[in-house]
Amino acid sequence: MGRTSDAKERILSAAQALIELRGYSALGVAEICKAAGVPKGSFYYFFNSKEDLALAVIDEHWAGQRGNWQRILGDDDPPLQRLRRLFEATEADQRAGQQSCGTVSGCLFGNLTLEMSNQTEALRERLQQIFEAQVDMVEEVVAAARERGEVTVADTREAARSVVAQLEGQVLFAKLYNNTRRLDALWTNCLALLGAASPGRAQEAPVAPAR
């Protein structure tokens, strides 16, 4: 059955890498086990089905991402600085992935949403829960920025949803064009969505010519 101490982790790791590279539908259990270096029997020892494995991959990936988001968005820095660092971390992750495998992998959750949300209700529900959790975390930051008078949104929930959607959309474009430069506009677009002044705008006002 393979070493029980790490067989499950190897299957999860191989499955995530293959899903990011090729998507979920095209994968078979035998291919996943081969990539993980475990016999096929090990798969069914830990997972009832490929869908069960996909849910476990989603949960494991979200556990890591959620910890990063909480660390970045939950510190004591000004709210917009925290939000900008989240975007910078996203850009860094996508660039690191491109350097590692030669292509922009995009967001695992966004990729699976596009591929599978109309095919399996269990995956749809889990992905909905994750995106709502992301919106929860961003909304706290947006609300804090509004209290400081830094943004001018009327509905912090919908503003946070727009920020998350914009982040997902830009990552999708980066994947589509295999070009992380598509992420360069993340922060500028976020400021526009939140009705925030661009940094340094006051200093950009034209100076009247001397007479």
C-alpha atoms as a PDB file:
ATOM      1  CA  MET A   1       0.000   0.000   0.000  1.00  0.00           C
ATOM      2  CA  GLY A   2       2.952   2.341   0.160  1.00  0.00           C
ATOM      3  CA  ARG A   3       4.150   3.958   3.319  1.00  0.00           C
ATOM      4  CA  THR A   4       1.088   4.923   5.341  1.00  0.00           C
ATOM      5  CA  SER A   5       3.078   7.748   6.943  1.00  0.00           C
ATOM      6  CA  ASP A   6       3.144   9.821   3.775  1.00  0.00           C
ATOM      7  CA  ALA A   7       1.124   8.052   1.067  1.00  0.00           C
ATOM      8  CA  LYS A   8      -1.904  10.297   1.521  1.00  0.00           C
ATOM      9  CA  GLU A   9       0.203  13.442   1.407  1.00  0.00           C
ATOM     10  CA  ARG A  10       1.966  12.222  -1.739  1.00  0.00           C
ATOM     11  CA  ILE A  11      -1.371  11.552  -3.440  1.00  0.00           C
ATOM     12  CA  LEU A  12      -2.667  14.992  -2.473  1.00  0.00           C
ATOM     13  CA  SER A  13       0.498  16.708  -3.660  1.00  0.00           C
ATOM     14  CA  ALA A  14       0.540  14.846  -6.975  1.00  0.00           C
ATOM     15  CA  ALA A  15      -3.162  15.486  -7.534  1.00  0.00           C
ATOM     16  CA  GLN A  16      -2.833  19.216  -6.922  1.00  0.00           C
ATOM     17  CA  ALA A  17       0.144  19.500  -9.282  1.00  0.00           C
ATOM     18  CA  LEU A  18      -1.670  17.581 -12.011  1.00  0.00           C
ATOM     19  CA  ILE A  19      -4.918  19.514 -11.557  1.00  0.00           C
ATOM     20  CA  GLU A  20      -3.039  22.803 -11.832  1.00  0.00           C
ATOM     21  CA  LEU A  21      -1.245  21.582 -14.955  1.00  0.00           C
ATOM     22  CA  ARG A  22      -4.026  19.782 -16.809  1.00  0.00           C
ATOM     23  CA  GLY A  23      -7.312  20.298 -15.010  1.00  0.00           C
ATOM     24  CA  TYR A  24      -9.502  17.833 -13.129  1.00  0.00           C
ATOM     25  CA  SER A  25     -11.600  16.093 -15.785  1.00  0.00           C
ATOM     26  CA  ALA A  26      -8.708  14.690 -17.831  1.00  0.00           C
ATOM     27  CA  LEU A  27      -7.051  12.991 -14.868  1.00  0.00           C
ATOM     28  CA  GLY A  28      -7.434   9.349 -13.948  1.00  0.00           C
ATOM     29  CA  VAL A  29      -6.761   7.643 -10.650  1.00  0.00           C
ATOM     30  CA  ALA A  30      -3.985   5.518 -12.168  1.00  0.00           C
ATOM     31  CA  GLU A  31      -2.143   8.605 -13.414  1.00  0.00           C
ATOM     32  CA  ILE A  32      -2.387  10.289 -10.041  1.00  0.00           C
ATOM     33  CA  CYS A  33      -1.060   7.200  -8.266  1.00  0.00           C
ATOM     34  CA  LYS A  34       1.801   6.871 -10.736  1.00  0.00           C
ATOM     35  CA  ALA A  35       2.802  10.497 -10.180  1.00  0.00           C
ATOM     36  CA  ALA A  36       2.566   9.976  -6.411  1.00  0.00           C
ATOM     37  CA  GLY A  37       4.606   6.778  -6.553  1.00  0.00           C
ATOM     38  CA  VAL A  38       1.987   4.698  -4.738  1.00  0.00           C
ATOM     39  CA  PRO A  39      -0.024   1.635  -5.801  1.00  0.00           C
ATOM     40  CA  LYS A  40      -3.616   2.173  -6.881  1.00  0.00           C
ATOM     41  CA  GLY A  41      -4.897   0.415  -3.790  1.00  0.00           C
ATOM     42  CA  SER A  42      -3.504   3.225  -1.675  1.00  0.00           C
ATOM     43  CA  PHE A  43      -5.824   5.688  -3.382  1.00  0.00           C
ATOM     44  CA  TYR A  44      -8.994   3.868  -2.346  1.00  0.00           C
ATOM     45  CA  TYR A  45      -7.649   3.349   1.140  1.00  0.00           C
ATOM     46  CA  PHE A  46      -7.698   7.115   1.656  1.00  0.00           C
ATOM     47  CA  PHE A  47     -10.335   8.355  -0.818  1.00  0.00           C
ATOM     48  CA  ASN A  48     -13.688   6.971  -1.887  1.00  0.00           C
ATOM     49  CA  SER A  49     -13.595   8.590  -5.323  1.00  0.00           C
ATOM     50  CA  LYS A  50     -11.772  11.125  -7.485  1.00  0.00           C
ATOM     51  CA  GLU A  51     -14.309  13.742  -6.376  1.00  0.00           C
ATOM     52  CA  ASP A  52     -13.458  12.959  -2.764  1.00  0.00           C
ATOM     53  CA  LEU A  53      -9.798  13.518  -3.610  1.00  0.00           C
ATOM     54  CA  ALA A  54     -10.585  16.833  -5.338  1.00  0.00           C
ATOM     55  CA  LEU A  55     -12.390  18.043  -2.221  1.00  0.00           C
ATOM     56  CA  ALA A  56      -9.390  17.082  -0.096  1.00  0.00           C
ATOM     57  CA  VAL A  57      -7.037  18.933  -2.469  1.00  0.00           C
ATOM     58  CA  ILE A  58      -9.247  22.009  -2.264  1.00  0.00           C
ATOM     59  CA  ASP A  59      -9.351  21.860   1.531  1.00  0.00           C
ATOM     60  CA  GLU A  60      -5.600  21.438   1.882  1.00  0.00           C
ATOM     61  CA  HIS A  61      -4.864  24.271  -0.544  1.00  0.00           C
ATOM     62  CA  TRP A  62      -7.351  26.531   1.212  1.00  0.00           C
ATOM     63  CA  ALA A  63      -5.854  25.777   4.625  1.00  0.00           C
ATOM     64  CA  GLY A  64      -2.513  27.116   3.422  1.00  0.00           C
ATOM     65  CA  GLN A  65      -3.967  30.062   1.551  1.00  0.00           C
ATOM     66  CA  ARG A  66      -6.291  31.021   4.395  1.00  0.00           C
ATOM     67  CA  GLY A  67      -3.344  31.112   6.785  1.00  0.00           C
ATOM     68  CA  ASN A  68      -1.457  33.429   4.445  1.00  0.00           C
ATOM     69  CA  TRP A  69      -4.464  35.710   3.961  1.00  0.00           C
ATOM     70  CA  GLN A  70      -5.076  35.890   7.717  1.00  0.00           C
ATOM     71  CA  ARG A  71      -1.430  36.717   8.360  1.00  0.00           C
ATOM     72  CA  ILE A  72      -1.352  39.449   5.705  1.00  0.00           C
ATOM     73  CA  LEU A  73      -4.775  40.993   6.303  1.00  0.00           C
ATOM     74  CA  GLY A  74      -4.862  40.584  10.074  1.00  0.00           C
ATOM     75  CA  ASP A  75      -1.846  42.595  11.195  1.00  0.00           C
ATOM     76  CA  ASP A  76      -1.854  46.135  12.619  1.00  0.00           C
ATOM     77  CA  ASP A  77      -0.735  48.054   9.514  1.00  0.00           C
ATOM     78  CA  PRO A  78      -3.131  50.493   7.811  1.00  0.00           C
ATOM     79  CA  PRO A  79      -5.882  48.573   5.980  1.00  0.00           C
ATOM     80  CA  LEU A  80      -4.974  49.576   2.438  1.00  0.00           C
ATOM     81  CA  GLN A  81      -1.362  48.578   3.040  1.00  0.00           C
ATOM     82  CA  ARG A  82      -2.567  45.149   4.110  1.00  0.00           C
ATOM     83  CA  LEU A  83      -4.738  44.794   1.034  1.00  0.00           C
ATOM     84  CA  ARG A  84      -1.888  45.827  -1.238  1.00  0.00           C
ATOM     85  CA  ARG A  85       0.399  43.229   0.346  1.00  0.00           C
ATOM     86  CA  LEU A  86      -2.210  40.570  -0.421  1.00  0.00           C
ATOM     87  CA  PHE A  87      -2.062  41.524  -4.090  1.00  0.00           C
ATOM     88  CA  GLU A  88       1.734  41.580  -4.026  1.00  0.00           C
ATOM     89  CA  ALA A  89       1.793  38.109  -2.477  1.00  0.00           C
ATOM     90  CA  THR A  90      -0.576  36.853  -5.190  1.00  0.00           C
ATOM     91  CA  GLU A  91       1.661  38.285  -7.908  1.00  0.00           C
ATOM     92  CA  ALA A  92       4.733  36.704  -6.306  1.00  0.00           C
ATOM     93  CA  ASP A  93       3.043  33.288  -6.143  1.00  0.00           C
ATOM     94  CA  GLN A  94       2.059  33.397  -9.811  1.00  0.00           C
ATOM     95  CA  ARG A  95       5.530  34.499 -10.903  1.00  0.00           C
ATOM     96  CA  ALA A  96       7.159  31.771  -8.810  1.00  0.00           C
ATOM     97  CA  GLY A  97       4.860  29.190 -10.381  1.00  0.00           C
ATOM     98  CA  GLN A  98       5.726  30.383 -13.869  1.00  0.00           C
ATOM     99  CA  GLN A  99       9.430  30.182 -13.143  1.00  0.00           C
ATOM    100  CA  SER A 100       8.989  26.668 -11.750  1.00  0.00           C
ATOM    101  CA  CYS A 101       6.930  25.053 -14.527  1.00  0.00           C
ATOM    102  CA  GLY A 102       7.096  27.517 -17.420  1.00  0.00           C
ATOM    103  CA  THR A 103       3.439  28.522 -17.371  1.00  0.00           C
ATOM    104  CA  VAL A 104       1.181  30.663 -15.204  1.00  0.00           C
ATOM    105  CA  SER A 105      -0.933  28.165 -13.257  1.00  0.00           C
ATOM    106  CA  GLY A 106      -3.627  30.611 -12.182  1.00  0.00           C
ATOM    107  CA  CYS A 107      -5.794  30.075  -9.115  1.00  0.00           C
ATOM    108  CA  LEU A 108      -6.702  26.487  -8.248  1.00  0.00           C
ATOM    109  CA  PHE A 109     -10.120  27.593  -7.026  1.00  0.00           C
ATOM    110  CA  GLY A 110     -10.821  29.750 -10.062  1.00  0.00           C
ATOM    111  CA  ASN A 111      -9.662  27.019 -12.435  1.00  0.00           C
ATOM    112  CA  LEU A 112     -11.915  24.427 -10.803  1.00  0.00           C
ATOM    113  CA  THR A 113     -14.829  26.863 -10.729  1.00  0.00           C
ATOM    114  CA  LEU A 114     -14.602  27.333 -14.489  1.00  0.00           C
ATOM    115  CA  GLU A 115     -14.159  23.617 -15.160  1.00  0.00           C
ATOM    116  CA  MET A 116     -16.365  21.880 -12.637  1.00  0.00           C
ATOM    117  CA  SER A 117     -18.927  24.151 -10.977  1.00  0.00           C
ATOM    118  CA  ASN A 118     -21.717  23.013 -13.314  1.00  0.00           C
ATOM    119  CA  GLN A 119     -20.815  19.333 -13.067  1.00  0.00           C
ATOM    120  CA  THR A 120     -20.558  18.449  -9.389  1.00  0.00           C
ATOM    121  CA  GLU A 121     -22.570  20.068  -6.633  1.00  0.00           C
ATOM    122  CA  ALA A 122     -20.159  19.079  -3.884  1.00  0.00           C
ATOM    123  CA  LEU A 123     -17.285  20.966  -5.537  1.00  0.00           C
ATOM    124  CA  ARG A 124     -19.532  23.931  -6.307  1.00  0.00           C
ATOM    125  CA  GLU A 125     -20.614  24.246  -2.678  1.00  0.00           C
ATOM    126  CA  ARG A 126     -17.069  23.943  -1.346  1.00  0.00           C
ATOM    127  CA  LEU A 127     -15.760  26.586  -3.754  1.00  0.00           C
ATOM    128  CA  GLN A 128     -18.633  28.907  -2.852  1.00  0.00           C
ATOM    129  CA  GLN A 129     -17.731  28.564   0.811  1.00  0.00           C
ATOM    130  CA  ILE A 130     -14.109  29.423   0.110  1.00  0.00           C
ATOM    131  CA  PHE A 131     -14.866  32.493  -1.970  1.00  0.00           C
ATOM    132  CA  GLU A 132     -17.326  33.715   0.675  1.00  0.00           C
ATOM    133  CA  ALA A 133     -14.602  33.271   3.304  1.00  0.00           C
ATOM    134  CA  GLN A 134     -12.243  35.331   1.151  1.00  0.00           C
ATOM    135  CA  VAL A 135     -14.863  38.043   0.849  1.00  0.00           C
ATOM    136  CA  ASP A 136     -15.308  37.969   4.649  1.00  0.00           C
ATOM    137  CA  MET A 137     -11.614  38.665   5.191  1.00  0.00           C
ATOM    138  CA  VAL A 138     -11.423  41.411   2.577  1.00  0.00           C
ATOM    139  CA  GLU A 139     -14.612  43.046   3.878  1.00  0.00           C
ATOM    140  CA  GLU A 140     -13.054  43.514   7.318  1.00  0.00           C
ATOM    141  CA  VAL A 141     -10.191  45.416   5.719  1.00  0.00           C
ATOM    142  CA  VAL A 142     -12.484  47.486   3.493  1.00  0.00           C
ATOM    143  CA  ALA A 143     -14.655  48.397   6.486  1.00  0.00           C
ATOM    144  CA  ALA A 144     -11.566  49.488   8.418  1.00  0.00           C
ATOM    145  CA  ALA A 145     -10.425  51.612   5.482  1.00  0.00           C
ATOM    146  CA  ARG A 146     -13.865  53.230   5.263  1.00  0.00           C
ATOM    147  CA  GLU A 147     -13.775  54.090   8.970  1.00  0.00           C
ATOM    148  CA  ARG A 148     -10.481  55.885   8.327  1.00  0.00           C
ATOM    149  CA  GLY A 149     -12.012  57.793   5.415  1.00  0.00           C
ATOM    150  CA  GLU A 150      -9.662  56.137   2.910  1.00  0.00           C
ATOM    151  CA  VAL A 151     -12.353  54.630   0.678  1.00  0.00           C
ATOM    152  CA  THR A 152     -15.816  55.796  -0.330  1.00  0.00           C
ATOM    153  CA  VAL A 153     -17.840  52.606  -0.774  1.00  0.00           C
ATOM    154  CA  ALA A 154     -21.481  52.439   0.324  1.00  0.00           C
ATOM    155  CA  ASP A 155     -21.669  48.651   0.746  1.00  0.00           C
ATOM    156  CA  THR A 156     -18.530  47.081   2.170  1.00  0.00           C
ATOM    157  CA  ARG A 157     -19.732  43.540   1.391  1.00  0.00           C
ATOM    158  CA  GLU A 158     -20.264  44.187  -2.297  1.00  0.00           C
ATOM    159  CA  ALA A 159     -17.050  46.192  -2.476  1.00  0.00           C
ATOM    160  CA  ALA A 160     -15.131  43.272  -0.990  1.00  0.00           C
ATOM    161  CA  ARG A 161     -16.797  40.894  -3.434  1.00  0.00           C
ATOM    162  CA  SER A 162     -15.703  43.148  -6.313  1.00  0.00           C
ATOM    163  CA  VAL A 163     -12.124  43.182  -5.014  1.00  0.00           C
ATOM    164  CA  VAL A 164     -12.005  39.376  -4.833  1.00  0.00           C
ATOM    165  CA  ALA A 165     -13.591  39.096  -8.290  1.00  0.00           C
ATOM    166  CA  GLN A 166     -11.059  41.531  -9.709  1.00  0.00           C
ATOM    167  CA  LEU A 167      -8.217  39.562  -8.168  1.00  0.00           C
ATOM    168  CA  GLU A 168      -9.543  36.312  -9.627  1.00  0.00           C
ATOM    169  CA  GLY A 169     -10.138  37.911 -13.008  1.00  0.00           C
ATOM    170  CA  GLN A 170      -6.646  39.342 -13.328  1.00  0.00           C
ATOM    171  CA  VAL A 171      -5.119  36.001 -12.325  1.00  0.00           C
ATOM    172  CA  LEU A 172      -7.312  34.344 -14.967  1.00  0.00           C
ATOM    173  CA  PHE A 173      -6.003  36.763 -17.618  1.00  0.00           C
ATOM    174  CA  ALA A 174      -2.429  36.089 -16.503  1.00  0.00           C
ATOM    175  CA  LYS A 175      -3.068  32.370 -17.004  1.00  0.00           C
ATOM    176  CA  LEU A 176      -4.817  32.865 -20.345  1.00  0.00           C
ATOM    177  CA  TYR A 177      -1.992  34.967 -21.784  1.00  0.00           C
ATOM    178  CA  ASN A 178       0.727  33.143 -19.801  1.00  0.00           C
ATOM    179  CA  ASN A 179       1.976  36.564 -18.799  1.00  0.00           C
ATOM    180  CA  THR A 180       2.244  37.798 -15.220  1.00  0.00           C
ATOM    181  CA  ARG A 181       2.383  41.383 -16.506  1.00  0.00           C
ATOM    182  CA  ARG A 182      -1.405  41.094 -16.605  1.00  0.00           C
ATOM    183  CA  LEU A 183      -1.227  41.393 -12.815  1.00  0.00           C
ATOM    184  CA  ASP A 184       0.441  44.816 -12.891  1.00  0.00           C
ATOM    185  CA  ALA A 185      -2.900  46.650 -12.785  1.00  0.00           C
ATOM    186  CA  LEU A 186      -4.208  44.875  -9.680  1.00  0.00           C
ATOM    187  CA  TRP A 187      -3.599  47.661  -7.203  1.00  0.00           C
ATOM    188  CA  THR A 188      -4.694  50.527  -9.444  1.00  0.00           C
ATOM    189  CA  ASN A 189      -7.903  48.684 -10.273  1.00  0.00           C
ATOM    190  CA  CYS A 190      -8.531  47.969  -6.596  1.00  0.00           C
ATOM    191  CA  LEU A 191      -8.204  51.637  -5.671  1.00  0.00           C
ATOM    192  CA  ALA A 192     -10.677  52.535  -8.410  1.00  0.00           C
ATOM    193  CA  LEU A 193     -13.170  49.909  -7.207  1.00  0.00           C
ATOM    194  CA  LEU A 194     -12.969  51.264  -3.654  1.00  0.00           C
ATOM    195  CA  GLY A 195     -13.103  54.926  -4.609  1.00  0.00           C
ATOM    196  CA  ALA A 196      -9.710  55.522  -3.044  1.00  0.00           C
ATOM    197  CA  ALA A 197      -7.251  58.194  -4.100  1.00  0.00           C
ATOM    198  CA  SER A 198      -4.158  56.884  -5.845  1.00  0.00           C
ATOM    199  CA  PRO A 199      -1.034  57.345  -3.723  1.00  0.00           C
ATOM    200  CA  GLY A 200       0.737  60.568  -4.547  1.00  0.00           C
ATOM    201  CA  ARG A 201      -2.146  62.022  -6.530  1.00  0.00           C
ATOM    202  CA  ALA A 202      -2.044  65.235  -4.528  1.00  0.00           C
ATOM    203  CA  GLN A 203       1.577  65.702  -5.489  1.00  0.00           C
ATOM    204  CA  GLU A 204       0.715  65.228  -9.163  1.00  0.00           C
ATOM    205  CA  ALA A 205      -1.374  68.389  -9.457  1.00  0.00           C
ATOM    206  CA  PRO A 206       0.007  70.660 -12.213  1.00  0.00           C
ATOM    207  CA  VAL A 207       2.003  73.680 -11.119  1.00  0.00           C
ATOM    208  CA  ALA A 208       1.059  77.014 -12.697  1.00  0.00           C
ATOM    209  CA  PRO A 209       3.875  78.488 -14.816  1.00  0.00           C
ATOM    210  CA  ALA A 210       5.724  81.429 -13.375  1.00  0.00           C
ATOM    211  CA  ARG A 211       4.855  84.842 -14.838  1.00  0.00           C
END
